[in-house]
Amino acid sequence: MSLPSFHMIPGAPQPVAPFSHAAEIDGWVFLTGQMPTDPDDPTRPLPEGIEAQTRRVMDNLIIVLEGMGLSLANVVQVRAYITDFERDYAAMNETYTSYFEPGSLPARTCIGVTGLAVGALVEIDMMARRP
């Protein structure tokens, strides 16, 4: 087994904590959870509402995937964290699902949490596999 490699992706959002955007080992790529922060201006206010924040998070994850030479088609597992599960679960699911081809949804866990960094409503991380 090889040692992991750690990646910071140009153009991806500035980290809000000490982490790499992605870590890779033996063809498996682990993407750090992304926040709904603007990749061009981390001081900009977060988008309003769960739909807009979910879109920004997914778009940020796509930046990281593309920086690794991958796409959503390579994603095998997802974890989503939301701060107001009862209110936002259905709307988050609808927005999230729109990013994937029908019938090609990764395995997923969705967890209600009491808080997220930068006051976000949603955070999503992913695991992908190289072909």
N, C-alpha and C. Protein backbone atom coordinates (compact mmCIF):
# COMPACT_ATOMS: atom_id res chain seq x y z
N MET A 1 0.85 -1.18 0.00
CA MET A 1 0.00 0.00 0.00
C MET A 1 0.90 1.24 0.00
N SER A 2 0.52 2.22 -0.80
CA SER A 2 1.27 3.46 -0.88
C SER A 2 0.88 4.42 0.25
N LEU A 3 1.66 5.48 0.38
CA LEU A 3 1.32 6.52 1.34
C LEU A 3 0.30 7.47 0.71
N PRO A 4 -0.52 8.12 1.52
CA PRO A 4 -1.50 9.05 0.96
C PRO A 4 -0.82 10.31 0.42
N SER A 5 -1.48 10.93 -0.55
CA SER A 5 -1.05 12.25 -1.02
C SER A 5 -2.16 13.23 -0.67
N PHE A 6 -1.76 14.47 -0.41
CA PHE A 6 -2.68 15.50 0.05
C PHE A 6 -2.68 16.64 -0.95
N HIS A 7 -3.86 17.17 -1.26
CA HIS A 7 -4.01 18.12 -2.35
C HIS A 7 -4.74 19.38 -1.93
N MET A 8 -4.18 20.50 -2.33
CA MET A 8 -4.85 21.80 -2.25
C MET A 8 -5.14 22.19 -3.69
N ILE A 9 -6.39 22.49 -3.99
CA ILE A 9 -6.83 22.72 -5.36
C ILE A 9 -6.90 24.22 -5.66
N PRO A 10 -6.15 24.68 -6.65
CA PRO A 10 -6.26 26.11 -7.03
C PRO A 10 -7.69 26.45 -7.44
N GLY A 11 -8.19 27.56 -6.95
CA GLY A 11 -9.54 28.00 -7.27
C GLY A 11 -10.61 27.46 -6.35
N ALA A 12 -10.26 26.48 -5.51
CA ALA A 12 -11.23 25.95 -4.54
C ALA A 12 -11.30 26.91 -3.36
N PRO A 13 -12.38 26.84 -2.58
CA PRO A 13 -12.52 27.75 -1.44
C PRO A 13 -11.35 27.65 -0.46
N GLN A 14 -11.05 28.77 0.15
CA GLN A 14 -10.04 28.81 1.19
C GLN A 14 -10.51 27.97 2.37
N PRO A 15 -9.67 27.08 2.89
CA PRO A 15 -10.09 26.26 4.04
C PRO A 15 -10.48 27.12 5.24
N VAL A 16 -11.50 26.66 5.97
CA VAL A 16 -11.94 27.35 7.18
C VAL A 16 -11.34 26.70 8.43
N ALA A 17 -10.50 25.68 8.22
CA ALA A 17 -9.84 24.96 9.30
C ALA A 17 -8.56 24.33 8.71
N PRO A 18 -7.74 23.68 9.53
CA PRO A 18 -6.52 23.07 9.01
C PRO A 18 -6.79 21.72 8.32
N PHE A 19 -6.90 21.74 6.99
CA PHE A 19 -7.13 20.53 6.22
C PHE A 19 -6.70 20.71 4.78
N SER A 20 -6.57 19.59 4.07
CA SER A 20 -6.36 19.59 2.63
C SER A 20 -7.72 19.49 1.96
N HIS A 21 -7.84 19.98 0.73
CA HIS A 21 -9.10 19.83 0.01
C HIS A 21 -9.41 18.36 -0.27
N ALA A 22 -8.36 17.57 -0.52
CA ALA A 22 -8.56 16.16 -0.81
C ALA A 22 -7.33 15.37 -0.38
N ALA A 23 -7.55 14.11 -0.05
CA ALA A 23 -6.48 13.17 0.23
C ALA A 23 -6.74 11.95 -0.63
N GLU A 24 -5.66 11.35 -1.13
CA GLU A 24 -5.81 10.21 -2.05
C GLU A 24 -4.87 9.09 -1.66
N ILE A 25 -5.37 7.88 -1.76
CA ILE A 25 -4.55 6.70 -1.55
C ILE A 25 -5.12 5.54 -2.37
N ASP A 26 -4.27 4.90 -3.12
CA ASP A 26 -4.63 3.71 -3.90
C ASP A 26 -5.89 3.90 -4.75
N GLY A 27 -6.02 5.06 -5.37
CA GLY A 27 -7.16 5.33 -6.26
C GLY A 27 -8.41 5.85 -5.57
N TRP A 28 -8.39 5.87 -4.25
CA TRP A 28 -9.52 6.42 -3.48
C TRP A 28 -9.23 7.88 -3.18
N VAL A 29 -10.21 8.74 -3.42
CA VAL A 29 -10.05 10.18 -3.20
C VAL A 29 -11.10 10.62 -2.17
N PHE A 30 -10.64 11.21 -1.09
CA PHE A 30 -11.50 11.65 0.01
C PHE A 30 -11.54 13.18 -0.03
N LEU A 31 -12.71 13.74 -0.27
CA LEU A 31 -12.87 15.18 -0.32
C LEU A 31 -13.34 15.69 1.02
N THR A 32 -12.63 16.69 1.53
CA THR A 32 -13.03 17.32 2.78
C THR A 32 -14.39 17.98 2.61
N GLY A 33 -15.18 17.97 3.66
CA GLY A 33 -16.48 18.64 3.61
C GLY A 33 -16.33 20.09 3.19
N GLN A 34 -17.16 20.50 2.27
CA GLN A 34 -17.14 21.87 1.79
C GLN A 34 -18.26 22.66 2.43
N MET A 35 -17.97 23.93 2.63
CA MET A 35 -18.92 24.87 3.19
C MET A 35 -19.49 25.71 2.04
N PRO A 36 -20.56 26.45 2.26
CA PRO A 36 -21.14 27.29 1.21
C PRO A 36 -20.44 28.64 1.08
N THR A 37 -19.11 28.61 1.15
CA THR A 37 -18.34 29.84 1.03
C THR A 37 -17.99 30.11 -0.42
N ASP A 38 -17.87 31.37 -0.77
CA ASP A 38 -17.52 31.80 -2.11
C ASP A 38 -16.04 31.51 -2.35
N PRO A 39 -15.70 30.74 -3.39
CA PRO A 39 -14.29 30.41 -3.60
C PRO A 39 -13.44 31.63 -3.96
N ASP A 40 -14.06 32.69 -4.48
CA ASP A 40 -13.33 33.89 -4.86
C ASP A 40 -13.21 34.90 -3.72
N ASP A 41 -14.10 34.83 -2.74
CA ASP A 41 -14.11 35.80 -1.65
C ASP A 41 -14.66 35.15 -0.38
N PRO A 42 -13.78 34.57 0.44
CA PRO A 42 -14.25 33.88 1.64
C PRO A 42 -14.90 34.78 2.68
N THR A 43 -14.76 36.10 2.52
CA THR A 43 -15.39 37.03 3.47
C THR A 43 -16.82 37.39 3.06
N ARG A 44 -17.23 37.00 1.86
CA ARG A 44 -18.57 37.31 1.38
C ARG A 44 -19.61 36.57 2.24
N PRO A 45 -20.74 37.18 2.52
CA PRO A 45 -21.77 36.49 3.30
C PRO A 45 -22.21 35.18 2.61
N LEU A 46 -22.60 34.21 3.41
CA LEU A 46 -23.08 32.94 2.87
C LEU A 46 -24.38 33.17 2.11
N PRO A 47 -24.65 32.33 1.10
CA PRO A 47 -25.93 32.44 0.41
C PRO A 47 -27.09 32.24 1.39
N GLU A 48 -28.23 32.82 1.08
CA GLU A 48 -29.42 32.72 1.94
C GLU A 48 -30.18 31.42 1.63
N GLY A 49 -30.49 30.66 2.65
CA GLY A 49 -31.36 29.49 2.52
C GLY A 49 -30.64 28.21 2.16
N ILE A 50 -31.30 27.11 2.45
CA ILE A 50 -30.70 25.78 2.26
C ILE A 50 -30.46 25.46 0.79
N GLU A 51 -31.35 25.84 -0.10
CA GLU A 51 -31.16 25.53 -1.52
C GLU A 51 -29.91 26.22 -2.05
N ALA A 52 -29.77 27.51 -1.80
CA ALA A 52 -28.61 28.26 -2.30
C ALA A 52 -27.32 27.76 -1.65
N GLN A 53 -27.38 27.44 -0.37
CA GLN A 53 -26.17 26.92 0.29
C GLN A 53 -25.81 25.54 -0.22
N THR A 54 -26.79 24.69 -0.48
CA THR A 54 -26.50 23.36 -1.02
C THR A 54 -25.88 23.49 -2.41
N ARG A 55 -26.40 24.39 -3.25
CA ARG A 55 -25.81 24.61 -4.57
C ARG A 55 -24.35 25.06 -4.46
N ARG A 56 -24.08 26.00 -3.56
CA ARG A 56 -22.71 26.50 -3.41
C ARG A 56 -21.79 25.39 -2.92
N VAL A 57 -22.25 24.57 -1.97
CA VAL A 57 -21.45 23.45 -1.47
C VAL A 57 -21.17 22.46 -2.61
N MET A 58 -22.18 22.09 -3.36
CA MET A 58 -21.99 21.15 -4.47
C MET A 58 -21.05 21.73 -5.52
N ASP A 59 -21.21 23.00 -5.84
CA ASP A 59 -20.32 23.64 -6.81
C ASP A 59 -18.88 23.66 -6.29
N ASN A 60 -18.70 23.89 -5.00
CA ASN A 60 -17.36 23.85 -4.41
C ASN A 60 -16.76 22.45 -4.50
N LEU A 61 -17.57 21.43 -4.24
CA LEU A 61 -17.09 20.05 -4.35
C LEU A 61 -16.70 19.73 -5.79
N ILE A 62 -17.46 20.23 -6.75
CA ILE A 62 -17.13 20.00 -8.16
C ILE A 62 -15.79 20.64 -8.51
N ILE A 63 -15.51 21.82 -7.96
CA ILE A 63 -14.21 22.46 -8.19
C ILE A 63 -13.09 21.52 -7.72
N VAL A 64 -13.25 20.94 -6.53
CA VAL A 64 -12.23 20.04 -6.00
C VAL A 64 -12.15 18.77 -6.85
N LEU A 65 -13.28 18.18 -7.19
CA LEU A 65 -13.27 16.98 -8.04
C LEU A 65 -12.55 17.26 -9.35
N GLU A 66 -12.91 18.35 -10.01
CA GLU A 66 -12.28 18.67 -11.29
C GLU A 66 -10.79 18.92 -11.12
N GLY A 67 -10.40 19.53 -10.01
CA GLY A 67 -8.99 19.74 -9.73
C GLY A 67 -8.23 18.43 -9.55
N MET A 68 -8.95 17.38 -9.22
CA MET A 68 -8.36 16.04 -9.08
C MET A 68 -8.52 15.22 -10.36
N GLY A 69 -9.09 15.83 -11.42
CA GLY A 69 -9.31 15.11 -12.66
C GLY A 69 -10.49 14.17 -12.60
N LEU A 70 -11.45 14.47 -11.74
CA LEU A 70 -12.62 13.61 -11.53
C LEU A 70 -13.90 14.42 -11.74
N SER A 71 -15.04 13.72 -11.64
CA SER A 71 -16.35 14.36 -11.73
C SER A 71 -17.29 13.68 -10.75
N LEU A 72 -18.51 14.16 -10.70
CA LEU A 72 -19.51 13.54 -9.82
C LEU A 72 -19.75 12.08 -10.20
N ALA A 73 -19.48 11.70 -11.43
CA ALA A 73 -19.65 10.30 -11.86
C ALA A 73 -18.69 9.37 -11.11
N ASN A 74 -17.60 9.90 -10.55
CA ASN A 74 -16.63 9.09 -9.80
C ASN A 74 -16.98 8.95 -8.32
N VAL A 75 -17.99 9.69 -7.85
CA VAL A 75 -18.33 9.72 -6.43
C VAL A 75 -19.09 8.45 -6.06
N VAL A 76 -18.63 7.79 -4.99
CA VAL A 76 -19.27 6.56 -4.54
C VAL A 76 -20.00 6.71 -3.21
N GLN A 77 -19.59 7.71 -2.42
CA GLN A 77 -20.21 7.87 -1.09
C GLN A 77 -20.19 9.34 -0.71
N VAL A 78 -21.26 9.76 -0.02
CA VAL A 78 -21.43 11.15 0.39
C VAL A 78 -21.93 11.17 1.83
N ARG A 79 -21.47 12.18 2.58
CA ARG A 79 -22.05 12.47 3.89
C ARG A 79 -22.50 13.92 3.86
N ALA A 80 -23.74 14.15 4.25
CA ALA A 80 -24.30 15.50 4.32
C ALA A 80 -24.66 15.80 5.77
N TYR A 81 -24.36 17.01 6.18
CA TYR A 81 -24.65 17.47 7.54
C TYR A 81 -25.52 18.71 7.42
N ILE A 82 -26.65 18.72 8.11
CA ILE A 82 -27.53 19.89 8.07
C ILE A 82 -27.93 20.28 9.49
N THR A 83 -28.05 21.60 9.70
CA THR A 83 -28.28 22.10 11.06
C THR A 83 -29.75 22.13 11.46
N ASP A 84 -30.66 22.18 10.49
CA ASP A 84 -32.09 22.16 10.81
C ASP A 84 -32.73 21.05 9.99
N PHE A 85 -32.58 19.83 10.48
CA PHE A 85 -32.98 18.63 9.74
C PHE A 85 -34.44 18.66 9.33
N GLU A 86 -35.31 18.93 10.27
CA GLU A 86 -36.76 18.89 9.99
C GLU A 86 -37.14 19.91 8.93
N ARG A 87 -36.61 21.12 9.03
CA ARG A 87 -36.97 22.18 8.09
C ARG A 87 -36.33 22.00 6.72
N ASP A 88 -35.06 21.56 6.69
CA ASP A 88 -34.28 21.66 5.46
C ASP A 88 -34.02 20.36 4.73
N TYR A 89 -34.36 19.22 5.31
CA TYR A 89 -34.02 17.93 4.71
C TYR A 89 -34.58 17.76 3.29
N ALA A 90 -35.85 18.01 3.09
CA ALA A 90 -36.46 17.81 1.77
C ALA A 90 -35.88 18.76 0.73
N ALA A 91 -35.72 20.02 1.08
CA ALA A 91 -35.19 21.00 0.12
C ALA A 91 -33.73 20.71 -0.20
N MET A 92 -32.95 20.31 0.79
CA MET A 92 -31.56 19.94 0.54
C MET A 92 -31.50 18.75 -0.40
N ASN A 93 -32.34 17.74 -0.16
CA ASN A 93 -32.36 16.55 -1.02
C ASN A 93 -32.70 16.90 -2.47
N GLU A 94 -33.68 17.75 -2.66
CA GLU A 94 -34.08 18.12 -4.01
C GLU A 94 -32.93 18.81 -4.75
N THR A 95 -32.27 19.74 -4.09
CA THR A 95 -31.15 20.45 -4.71
C THR A 95 -29.98 19.50 -4.95
N TYR A 96 -29.63 18.72 -3.96
CA TYR A 96 -28.53 17.74 -4.06
C TYR A 96 -28.76 16.77 -5.22
N THR A 97 -29.94 16.20 -5.30
CA THR A 97 -30.26 15.19 -6.31
C THR A 97 -30.12 15.76 -7.72
N SER A 98 -30.39 17.04 -7.90
CA SER A 98 -30.35 17.65 -9.24
C SER A 98 -28.94 17.63 -9.83
N TYR A 99 -27.92 17.38 -9.04
CA TYR A 99 -26.54 17.35 -9.53
C TYR A 99 -26.14 16.00 -10.13
N PHE A 100 -26.94 14.97 -9.93
CA PHE A 100 -26.56 13.63 -10.37
C PHE A 100 -27.47 13.14 -11.49
N GLU A 101 -26.90 12.27 -12.32
CA GLU A 101 -27.70 11.62 -13.35
C GLU A 101 -28.73 10.71 -12.68
N PRO A 102 -29.95 10.66 -13.24
CA PRO A 102 -30.96 9.76 -12.66
C PRO A 102 -30.44 8.33 -12.57
N GLY A 103 -30.68 7.70 -11.45
CA GLY A 103 -30.26 6.32 -11.25
C GLY A 103 -28.78 6.17 -10.89
N SER A 104 -28.07 7.28 -10.70
CA SER A 104 -26.63 7.23 -10.40
C SER A 104 -26.30 7.98 -9.11
N LEU A 105 -27.13 7.80 -8.12
CA LEU A 105 -26.87 8.46 -6.83
C LEU A 105 -25.88 7.65 -6.00
N PRO A 106 -24.86 8.33 -5.44
CA PRO A 106 -23.92 7.62 -4.57
C PRO A 106 -24.60 7.16 -3.28
N ALA A 107 -23.98 6.22 -2.60
CA ALA A 107 -24.41 5.89 -1.24
C ALA A 107 -24.30 7.16 -0.42
N ARG A 108 -25.19 7.33 0.57
CA ARG A 108 -25.17 8.59 1.32
C ARG A 108 -25.69 8.41 2.73
N THR A 109 -25.11 9.19 3.63
CA THR A 109 -25.60 9.35 4.98
C THR A 109 -25.90 10.82 5.18
N CYS A 110 -27.01 11.14 5.82
CA CYS A 110 -27.35 12.53 6.11
C CYS A 110 -27.56 12.65 7.61
N ILE A 111 -26.89 13.62 8.21
CA ILE A 111 -26.85 13.73 9.65
C ILE A 111 -27.30 15.12 10.08
N GLY A 112 -28.20 15.19 11.06
CA GLY A 112 -28.56 16.47 11.65
C GLY A 112 -27.55 16.82 12.73
N VAL A 113 -27.07 18.05 12.69
CA VAL A 113 -26.05 18.50 13.64
C VAL A 113 -26.51 19.80 14.32
N THR A 114 -25.86 20.13 15.41
CA THR A 114 -26.25 21.34 16.14
C THR A 114 -25.56 22.60 15.63
N GLY A 115 -24.51 22.44 14.84
CA GLY A 115 -23.83 23.61 14.30
C GLY A 115 -22.76 23.20 13.32
N LEU A 116 -22.42 24.14 12.42
CA LEU A 116 -21.36 23.93 11.43
C LEU A 116 -20.48 25.17 11.40
N ALA A 117 -19.27 25.01 10.89
CA ALA A 117 -18.35 26.13 10.77
C ALA A 117 -18.98 27.24 9.95
N VAL A 118 -18.57 28.44 10.20
CA VAL A 118 -18.99 29.69 9.54
C VAL A 118 -20.50 29.91 9.56
N GLY A 119 -21.21 29.22 10.44
CA GLY A 119 -22.65 29.40 10.54
C GLY A 119 -23.43 28.80 9.39
N ALA A 120 -22.83 27.85 8.68
CA ALA A 120 -23.47 27.23 7.51
C ALA A 120 -24.67 26.38 7.92
N LEU A 121 -25.60 26.23 6.98
CA LEU A 121 -26.76 25.35 7.16
C LEU A 121 -26.45 23.93 6.69
N VAL A 122 -25.45 23.77 5.81
CA VAL A 122 -25.14 22.46 5.23
C VAL A 122 -23.64 22.35 4.96
N GLU A 123 -23.14 21.14 5.12
CA GLU A 123 -21.77 20.77 4.74
C GLU A 123 -21.87 19.38 4.12
N ILE A 124 -21.09 19.14 3.07
CA ILE A 124 -21.12 17.85 2.41
C ILE A 124 -19.68 17.43 2.12
N ASP A 125 -19.37 16.15 2.41
CA ASP A 125 -18.08 15.58 2.00
C ASP A 125 -18.33 14.40 1.08
N MET A 126 -17.29 13.96 0.40
CA MET A 126 -17.44 12.90 -0.60
C MET A 126 -16.24 11.97 -0.61
N MET A 127 -16.47 10.74 -1.08
CA MET A 127 -15.42 9.80 -1.38
C MET A 127 -15.61 9.39 -2.84
N ALA A 128 -14.52 9.46 -3.60
CA ALA A 128 -14.57 9.12 -5.02
C ALA A 128 -13.52 8.05 -5.31
N ARG A 129 -13.67 7.40 -6.44
CA ARG A 129 -12.73 6.35 -6.86
C ARG A 129 -12.29 6.62 -8.29
N ARG A 130 -11.00 6.55 -8.50
CA ARG A 130 -10.48 6.68 -9.86
C ARG A 130 -10.82 5.43 -10.67
N PRO A 131 -11.06 5.61 -11.97
CA PRO A 131 -11.37 4.44 -12.81
C PRO A 131 -10.16 3.51 -12.92
